Amino acid sequence: MNGPGERPRAVVLGCGKIGMDLAERIGYSGLLECALIVGRDRTSPGLGRAQELGLPTMAGGIAAFVDAAEHFDVVFDASNAAAHTAHWQALAATGTVLVDLTPSGTGTRVVPAVNGDAAVQSSRHFNMISCGVQSAIPVLHAIAVTCTPSYVEIVATGAFASTGRATRLNIDEYVATTQDAVRELAGVPEAPVKALVNLSPAQPEPPFRVLATVLADDARPEPVQAAVRAAAARVRAYAPGYTLTSCTVTDGRVDVALEITAHGSHIPPGRETSTSSTPPPCGSPSGPSLPSPGKERPRGAADRRPRNPARPDPSRRSPRGAPPARRRPAARLRQRRQRRGRARRRGRTR
């Protein structure tokens, strides 16, 4: 037991990008003490980085951690979905609280803005599902309260640089667990649900974005947008980087665009966004909006792709003022080389 004024002691299993980012957040939260970071390989970069930060570390994985027989109040599993079941079996008898940050699908599924209060009273094994679920389900649940969805789709796009090896190995589990959680927690058990994930290699790294689409014949703009704004405000109370960028309701289709900006040092933050001010109301003229279905968004100067410096600029002329020579299409050049080759083989010259 912790003494008066002592913070609960936390352990992070896994020293990849998510594990190290979590350890940093625990340190400055003031609510928990990051008492240990556990990895499998002593030479891993994550454990080395943790030692540089002055954090206690342990190699050998879950086996070494259990053998140490030291009491901790909460364990965060930031390893991978395949290993989590064994982690829970090893820790179940210890009485510690286990928070699963992998898409393993085991444990009590928790989305704080939807079922957080009820979940913490009934379990000590929690599953945070996936980043897409934590972003989308609060607004999907709010939409389902105001109408009857007949189809739900989530498209999550994140920076490739923010994903480690375990995250990329867990893509299948990510999709399956996300779809199951949407049916359970968003209140759409009968509606078809599709989840997609994209990893963008763009530079600079983009923020995490989620586009949620709901089809509902009885969706009405005013109640849907009011419910979505209220849900976004609840999430921002504990995740200040959560921003609602657009919410449109047109002909029974609801499109909600979300952007989540990280503030740790181990995951790329993406584009800087102001989290201290409230974003423009969704659907308002001053706020951004998604293009209507079937209409292409106009491309501005900021959207134009920069010219390839390896290719000549057609707007520049030669020193004599003459226009640059016209480039021959690749197909014509290929045909010309083929004709010359046939001529040489026949002993003729052109």
Protein backbone atom coordinates (compact mmCIF):
# COMPACT_ATOMS: atom_id res chain seq x y z
CA MET A 1 0.00 0.00 0.00
CA ASN A 2 1.11 3.54 -0.70
CA GLY A 3 1.65 5.91 2.16
CA PRO A 4 0.01 9.33 2.52
CA GLY A 5 1.01 11.62 -0.32
CA GLU A 6 2.64 8.83 -2.31
CA ARG A 7 1.64 8.41 -5.91
CA PRO A 8 0.58 5.01 -7.30
CA ARG A 9 3.53 3.18 -8.84
CA ALA A 10 3.22 2.39 -12.55
CA VAL A 11 5.09 0.00 -14.84
CA VAL A 12 5.34 0.24 -18.64
CA LEU A 13 5.75 -3.05 -20.50
CA GLY A 14 7.41 -2.30 -23.83
CA CYS A 15 9.97 0.36 -24.65
CA GLY A 16 9.00 1.23 -28.21
CA LYS A 17 7.59 4.55 -29.40
CA ILE A 18 4.29 4.19 -27.54
CA GLY A 19 5.91 2.86 -24.38
CA MET A 20 8.47 5.64 -24.17
CA ASP A 21 5.88 8.31 -24.97
CA LEU A 22 3.67 6.93 -22.19
CA ALA A 23 6.56 6.87 -19.71
CA GLU A 24 7.23 10.53 -20.41
CA ARG A 25 3.57 11.43 -19.93
CA ILE A 26 3.39 9.53 -16.65
CA GLY A 27 6.40 11.48 -15.44
CA TYR A 28 4.90 14.92 -15.91
CA SER A 29 1.28 13.97 -15.09
CA GLY A 30 1.83 14.31 -11.35
CA LEU A 31 -0.71 11.51 -10.79
CA LEU A 32 1.49 8.41 -11.14
CA GLU A 33 5.11 7.49 -10.57
CA CYS A 34 6.86 5.74 -13.47
CA ALA A 35 8.60 3.16 -11.30
CA LEU A 36 9.85 0.78 -14.01
CA ILE A 37 10.15 0.26 -17.78
CA VAL A 38 10.37 -3.37 -18.89
CA GLY A 39 11.82 -4.50 -22.21
CA ARG A 40 12.95 -7.81 -23.67
CA ASP A 41 16.42 -6.90 -24.92
CA ARG A 42 18.90 -5.04 -22.72
CA THR A 43 20.50 -3.50 -25.83
CA SER A 44 17.26 -2.09 -27.24
CA PRO A 45 17.29 1.66 -28.02
CA GLY A 46 14.20 2.21 -25.86
CA LEU A 47 15.79 0.89 -22.68
CA GLY A 48 18.90 2.91 -23.45
CA ARG A 49 16.83 6.05 -23.81
CA ALA A 50 15.00 5.33 -20.55
CA GLN A 51 18.29 4.97 -18.73
CA GLU A 52 19.43 8.30 -20.13
CA LEU A 53 16.28 9.85 -18.67
CA GLY A 54 17.09 8.35 -15.27
CA LEU A 55 14.18 5.88 -15.27
CA PRO A 56 14.50 2.41 -13.70
CA THR A 57 14.65 -0.33 -16.36
CA MET A 58 14.50 -4.11 -16.52
CA ALA A 59 15.33 -6.50 -19.37
CA GLY A 60 13.99 -10.01 -19.83
CA GLY A 61 10.34 -9.20 -20.50
CA ILE A 62 7.34 -10.34 -18.48
CA ALA A 63 9.17 -13.39 -17.06
CA ALA A 64 11.84 -11.26 -15.39
CA PHE A 65 9.21 -8.82 -14.14
CA VAL A 66 7.11 -11.54 -12.48
CA ASP A 67 10.19 -13.18 -10.95
CA ALA A 68 11.13 -9.89 -9.31
CA ALA A 69 7.92 -10.19 -7.22
CA GLU A 70 7.79 -6.45 -6.56
CA HIS A 71 4.43 -4.76 -6.00
CA PHE A 72 3.16 -2.15 -8.44
CA ASP A 73 -0.27 -0.53 -8.58
CA VAL A 74 -0.81 -0.39 -12.33
CA VAL A 75 0.86 -1.96 -15.37
CA PHE A 76 0.54 -0.46 -18.84
CA ASP A 77 1.08 -3.00 -21.61
CA ALA A 78 2.55 -1.19 -24.63
CA SER A 79 4.07 -4.28 -26.24
CA ASN A 80 2.00 -6.02 -28.95
CA ALA A 81 -1.33 -7.78 -29.29
CA ALA A 82 0.12 -11.28 -29.58
CA ALA A 83 1.97 -11.00 -26.26
CA HIS A 84 -0.77 -9.39 -24.20
CA THR A 85 -2.72 -12.57 -23.37
CA ALA A 86 0.38 -14.12 -21.81
CA HIS A 87 1.01 -10.88 -19.91
CA TRP A 88 -2.46 -10.94 -18.39
CA GLN A 89 -2.16 -14.61 -17.42
CA ALA A 90 1.12 -13.86 -15.66
CA LEU A 91 -0.24 -10.81 -13.82
CA ALA A 92 -3.78 -11.90 -12.99
CA ALA A 93 -2.79 -13.39 -9.64
CA THR A 94 -0.82 -10.33 -8.52
CA GLY A 95 -3.86 -8.10 -8.03
CA THR A 96 -2.41 -5.25 -10.07
CA VAL A 97 -4.45 -3.19 -12.51
CA LEU A 98 -3.54 -3.93 -16.14
CA VAL A 99 -4.19 -1.39 -18.88
CA ASP A 100 -3.83 -2.85 -22.37
CA LEU A 101 -2.65 -0.36 -25.00
CA THR A 102 -2.53 -3.03 -27.74
CA PRO A 103 -5.45 -4.03 -30.01
CA SER A 104 -5.62 -7.51 -28.47
CA GLY A 105 -9.37 -7.29 -27.84
CA THR A 106 -9.09 -8.75 -24.32
CA GLY A 107 -10.19 -7.04 -21.14
CA THR A 108 -12.94 -4.51 -20.55
CA ARG A 109 -13.10 -2.08 -23.46
CA VAL A 110 -12.90 1.50 -22.27
CA VAL A 111 -13.52 4.84 -23.98
CA PRO A 112 -13.38 7.41 -21.14
CA ALA A 113 -15.92 9.81 -22.66
CA VAL A 114 -18.46 7.00 -23.19
CA ASN A 115 -18.15 4.32 -20.49
CA GLY A 116 -15.16 5.31 -18.38
CA ASP A 117 -16.97 5.77 -15.06
CA ALA A 118 -18.82 2.45 -15.29
CA ALA A 119 -15.81 0.46 -16.49
CA VAL A 120 -13.46 1.38 -13.66
CA GLN A 121 -15.96 0.10 -11.09
CA SER A 122 -16.26 -3.38 -12.60
CA SER A 123 -12.80 -4.49 -13.73
CA ARG A 124 -9.05 -4.27 -13.21
CA HIS A 125 -8.16 -5.41 -16.75
CA PHE A 126 -8.83 -2.62 -19.23
CA ASN A 127 -8.43 -2.52 -22.98
CA MET A 128 -7.95 0.88 -24.68
CA ILE A 129 -8.77 -0.78 -28.04
CA SER A 130 -7.08 1.47 -30.64
CA CYS A 131 -6.26 5.09 -31.37
CA GLY A 132 -8.96 5.18 -34.06
CA VAL A 133 -11.59 4.01 -31.59
CA GLN A 134 -10.58 6.52 -28.91
CA SER A 135 -10.93 9.28 -31.50
CA ALA A 136 -14.09 8.21 -33.32
CA ILE A 137 -16.36 6.42 -30.83
CA PRO A 138 -17.25 9.50 -28.72
CA VAL A 139 -18.70 11.27 -31.77
CA LEU A 140 -20.18 8.07 -33.24
CA HIS A 141 -21.94 7.37 -29.95
CA ALA A 142 -23.29 10.92 -29.94
CA ILE A 143 -24.55 10.55 -33.52
CA ALA A 144 -26.24 7.22 -32.72
CA VAL A 145 -28.21 8.92 -29.92
CA THR A 146 -29.75 11.39 -32.37
CA CYS A 147 -30.46 9.05 -35.32
CA THR A 148 -30.36 5.40 -36.45
CA PRO A 149 -27.14 4.61 -38.36
CA SER A 150 -27.39 2.01 -41.14
CA TYR A 151 -23.65 2.07 -41.98
CA VAL A 152 -20.49 3.30 -40.21
CA GLU A 153 -17.01 3.80 -41.67
CA ILE A 154 -13.80 4.99 -40.02
CA VAL A 155 -10.66 5.98 -41.92
CA ALA A 156 -7.66 6.67 -39.69
CA THR A 157 -4.49 8.22 -41.10
CA GLY A 158 -1.29 8.48 -39.09
CA ALA A 159 2.34 9.35 -39.69
CA PHE A 160 4.53 6.37 -40.58
CA ALA A 161 7.24 7.82 -38.34
CA SER A 162 4.96 7.48 -35.31
CA THR A 163 4.48 3.74 -35.74
CA GLY A 164 6.90 1.16 -34.44
CA ARG A 165 7.37 -2.43 -35.53
CA ALA A 166 4.72 -3.81 -33.16
CA THR A 167 2.12 -1.34 -34.44
CA ARG A 168 2.74 -2.36 -38.03
CA LEU A 169 2.52 -6.05 -37.09
CA ASN A 170 -0.82 -5.43 -35.36
CA ILE A 171 -2.68 -3.89 -38.34
CA ASP A 172 -5.03 -6.89 -38.73
CA GLU A 173 -5.85 -6.88 -35.01
CA TYR A 174 -6.28 -3.10 -35.16
CA VAL A 175 -8.95 -3.35 -37.87
CA ALA A 176 -10.86 -6.25 -36.29
CA THR A 177 -10.81 -4.81 -32.76
CA THR A 178 -11.83 -1.36 -33.97
CA GLN A 179 -14.84 -2.71 -35.85
CA ASP A 180 -15.98 -4.82 -32.88
CA ALA A 181 -15.61 -1.91 -30.45
CA VAL A 182 -17.62 0.44 -32.67
CA ARG A 183 -20.52 -2.02 -32.71
CA GLU A 184 -20.37 -2.41 -28.94
CA LEU A 185 -19.66 1.08 -27.65
CA ALA A 186 -21.09 3.35 -30.34
CA GLY A 187 -24.52 1.77 -30.03
CA VAL A 188 -24.73 0.33 -33.55
CA PRO A 189 -24.79 -3.47 -33.00
CA GLU A 190 -26.67 -4.22 -36.22
CA ALA A 191 -25.10 -1.71 -38.62
CA PRO A 192 -22.26 -2.75 -40.95
CA VAL A 193 -18.96 -1.24 -39.74
CA LYS A 194 -15.80 -0.78 -41.79
CA ALA A 195 -12.45 0.40 -40.42
CA LEU A 196 -9.48 1.41 -42.57
CA VAL A 197 -6.01 2.61 -41.59
CA ASN A 198 -3.42 4.53 -43.62
CA LEU A 199 0.22 5.19 -42.70
CA SER A 200 1.51 8.32 -44.39
CA PRO A 201 5.23 8.78 -45.17
CA ALA A 202 4.70 12.51 -45.83
CA GLN A 203 7.25 15.05 -44.60
CA PRO A 204 6.78 16.86 -42.33
CA GLU A 205 4.80 14.24 -40.44
CA PRO A 206 1.05 14.89 -40.49
CA PRO A 207 -1.04 14.79 -37.30
CA PHE A 208 -3.29 11.83 -36.65
CA ARG A 209 -6.55 12.26 -38.55
CA VAL A 210 -9.82 10.34 -38.44
CA LEU A 211 -12.70 10.64 -40.90
CA ALA A 212 -15.93 9.03 -39.69
CA THR A 213 -18.84 8.55 -42.08
CA VAL A 214 -22.32 7.54 -40.97
CA LEU A 215 -25.32 6.80 -43.17
CA ALA A 216 -28.66 7.42 -41.46
CA ASP A 217 -31.88 8.35 -43.23
CA ASP A 218 -33.20 10.20 -40.17
CA ALA A 219 -30.07 12.31 -39.56
CA ARG A 220 -30.83 16.00 -39.13
CA PRO A 221 -28.11 18.70 -39.18
CA GLU A 222 -28.94 20.65 -36.02
CA PRO A 223 -29.22 17.82 -33.46
CA VAL A 224 -26.33 15.84 -34.98
CA GLN A 225 -23.93 18.77 -35.03
CA ALA A 226 -24.88 19.81 -31.49
CA ALA A 227 -24.28 16.28 -30.21
CA VAL A 228 -20.93 16.00 -32.01
CA ARG A 229 -19.72 19.33 -30.62
CA ALA A 230 -20.65 18.27 -27.08
CA ALA A 231 -18.84 14.93 -27.49
CA ALA A 232 -15.70 16.64 -28.78
CA ALA A 233 -15.70 18.98 -25.80
CA ARG A 234 -15.83 16.01 -23.40
CA VAL A 235 -12.82 14.41 -25.08
CA ARG A 236 -10.87 17.68 -25.08
CA ALA A 237 -11.24 17.81 -21.31
CA TYR A 238 -8.64 15.01 -21.03
CA ALA A 239 -7.04 15.13 -24.51
CA PRO A 240 -6.40 18.81 -25.36
CA GLY A 241 -4.93 17.96 -28.77
CA TYR A 242 -8.31 16.60 -29.93
CA THR A 243 -9.86 18.91 -32.53
CA LEU A 244 -13.13 18.67 -34.41
CA THR A 245 -12.36 20.16 -37.82
CA SER A 246 -15.60 19.48 -39.68
CA CYS A 247 -19.08 18.03 -39.34
CA THR A 248 -21.47 17.98 -42.29
CA VAL A 249 -24.92 16.41 -42.64
CA THR A 250 -26.23 16.06 -46.19
CA ASP A 251 -28.98 13.78 -47.52
CA GLY A 252 -28.73 11.21 -44.77
CA ARG A 253 -24.91 11.20 -44.70
CA VAL A 254 -22.85 12.47 -41.76
CA ASP A 255 -19.13 13.19 -42.26
CA VAL A 256 -17.02 14.05 -39.21
CA ALA A 257 -13.35 14.99 -39.53
CA LEU A 258 -11.10 14.88 -36.46
CA GLU A 259 -7.47 15.83 -35.94
CA ILE A 260 -5.38 14.80 -32.96
CA THR A 261 -2.07 16.51 -32.24
CA ALA A 262 0.51 14.82 -30.03
CA HIS A 263 2.53 16.81 -27.50
CA GLY A 264 5.13 14.26 -26.43
CA SER A 265 8.69 14.08 -27.73
CA HIS A 266 8.71 10.44 -28.86
CA ILE A 267 5.80 10.62 -31.35
CA PRO A 268 5.87 13.24 -34.15
CA PRO A 269 3.46 16.03 -33.22
CA GLY A 270 2.45 16.82 -36.82
CA ARG A 271 1.16 20.25 -37.67
CA GLU A 272 0.99 22.57 -34.71
CA THR A 273 -2.56 23.35 -33.68
CA SER A 274 -3.90 25.64 -31.02
CA THR A 275 -5.47 23.53 -28.28
CA SER A 276 -6.17 26.37 -25.88
CA SER A 277 -8.96 27.87 -27.96
CA THR A 278 -12.23 26.28 -28.99
CA PRO A 279 -12.37 25.37 -32.70
CA PRO A 280 -15.03 26.98 -34.90
CA PRO A 281 -18.43 25.26 -34.61
CA CYS A 282 -18.82 22.46 -37.11
CA GLY A 283 -20.88 23.51 -40.07
CA SER A 284 -20.19 27.21 -39.47
CA PRO A 285 -18.96 29.43 -42.33
CA SER A 286 -15.77 30.25 -40.43
CA GLY A 287 -14.85 26.64 -39.78
CA PRO A 288 -13.27 24.24 -42.25
CA SER A 289 -15.52 21.74 -43.97
CA LEU A 290 -15.17 18.62 -46.03
CA PRO A 291 -15.99 18.74 -49.75
CA SER A 292 -19.45 17.60 -50.70
CA PRO A 293 -19.62 14.11 -52.22
CA GLY A 294 -18.78 14.21 -55.90
CA LYS A 295 -17.16 17.65 -55.75
CA GLU A 296 -13.43 18.15 -55.84
CA ARG A 297 -11.88 20.54 -53.36
CA PRO A 298 -10.31 23.53 -55.13
CA ARG A 299 -6.54 23.45 -55.05
CA GLY A 300 -4.87 26.54 -53.72
CA ALA A 301 -1.30 27.68 -53.92
CA ALA A 302 -0.46 25.80 -50.71
CA ASP A 303 -1.77 22.54 -52.18
CA ARG A 304 0.19 22.64 -55.44
CA ARG A 305 2.98 20.12 -55.67
CA PRO A 306 6.40 21.76 -55.90
CA ARG A 307 8.15 21.42 -59.25
CA ASN A 308 10.72 18.67 -59.52
CA PRO A 309 14.09 20.46 -59.68
CA ALA A 310 15.48 17.63 -61.81
CA ARG A 311 13.12 18.52 -64.66
CA PRO A 312 13.60 21.67 -66.76
CA ASP A 313 11.28 24.52 -66.04
CA PRO A 314 9.21 25.12 -69.23
CA SER A 315 8.73 28.76 -68.27
CA ARG A 316 12.48 29.45 -68.63
CA ARG A 317 13.94 30.20 -72.08
CA SER A 318 17.39 29.70 -73.54
CA PRO A 319 19.93 32.57 -73.54
CA ARG A 320 19.00 33.38 -77.17
CA GLY A 321 15.36 33.78 -76.24
CA ALA A 322 14.20 30.71 -78.12
CA PRO A 323 11.68 28.40 -76.46
CA PRO A 324 13.13 25.19 -75.00
CA ALA A 325 13.22 22.13 -77.20
CA ARG A 326 10.11 20.03 -77.10
CA ARG A 327 10.58 16.83 -75.15
CA ARG A 328 9.76 13.69 -77.12
CA PRO A 329 7.25 11.38 -75.45
CA ALA A 330 8.77 8.21 -74.06
CA ALA A 331 6.76 6.01 -76.42
CA ARG A 332 8.12 7.78 -79.54
CA LEU A 333 11.70 7.51 -78.28
CA ARG A 334 11.24 3.83 -77.58
CA GLN A 335 9.82 3.20 -81.07
CA ARG A 336 12.73 5.08 -82.66
CA ARG A 337 15.28 2.96 -80.80
CA GLN A 338 13.48 -0.19 -81.87
CA ARG A 339 13.57 0.84 -85.56
CA ARG A 340 17.29 1.60 -85.36
CA GLY A 341 17.93 -1.77 -83.75
CA ARG A 342 16.07 -3.61 -86.50
CA ALA A 343 17.96 -1.64 -89.15
CA ARG A 344 21.34 -2.53 -87.65
CA ARG A 345 20.41 -6.19 -87.52
CA ARG A 346 19.49 -6.11 -91.22
CA GLY A 347 22.82 -4.45 -92.04
CA ARG A 348 21.29 -1.13 -93.05
CA THR A 349 21.85 2.35 -91.66
CA ARG A 350 19.32 5.09 -91.47
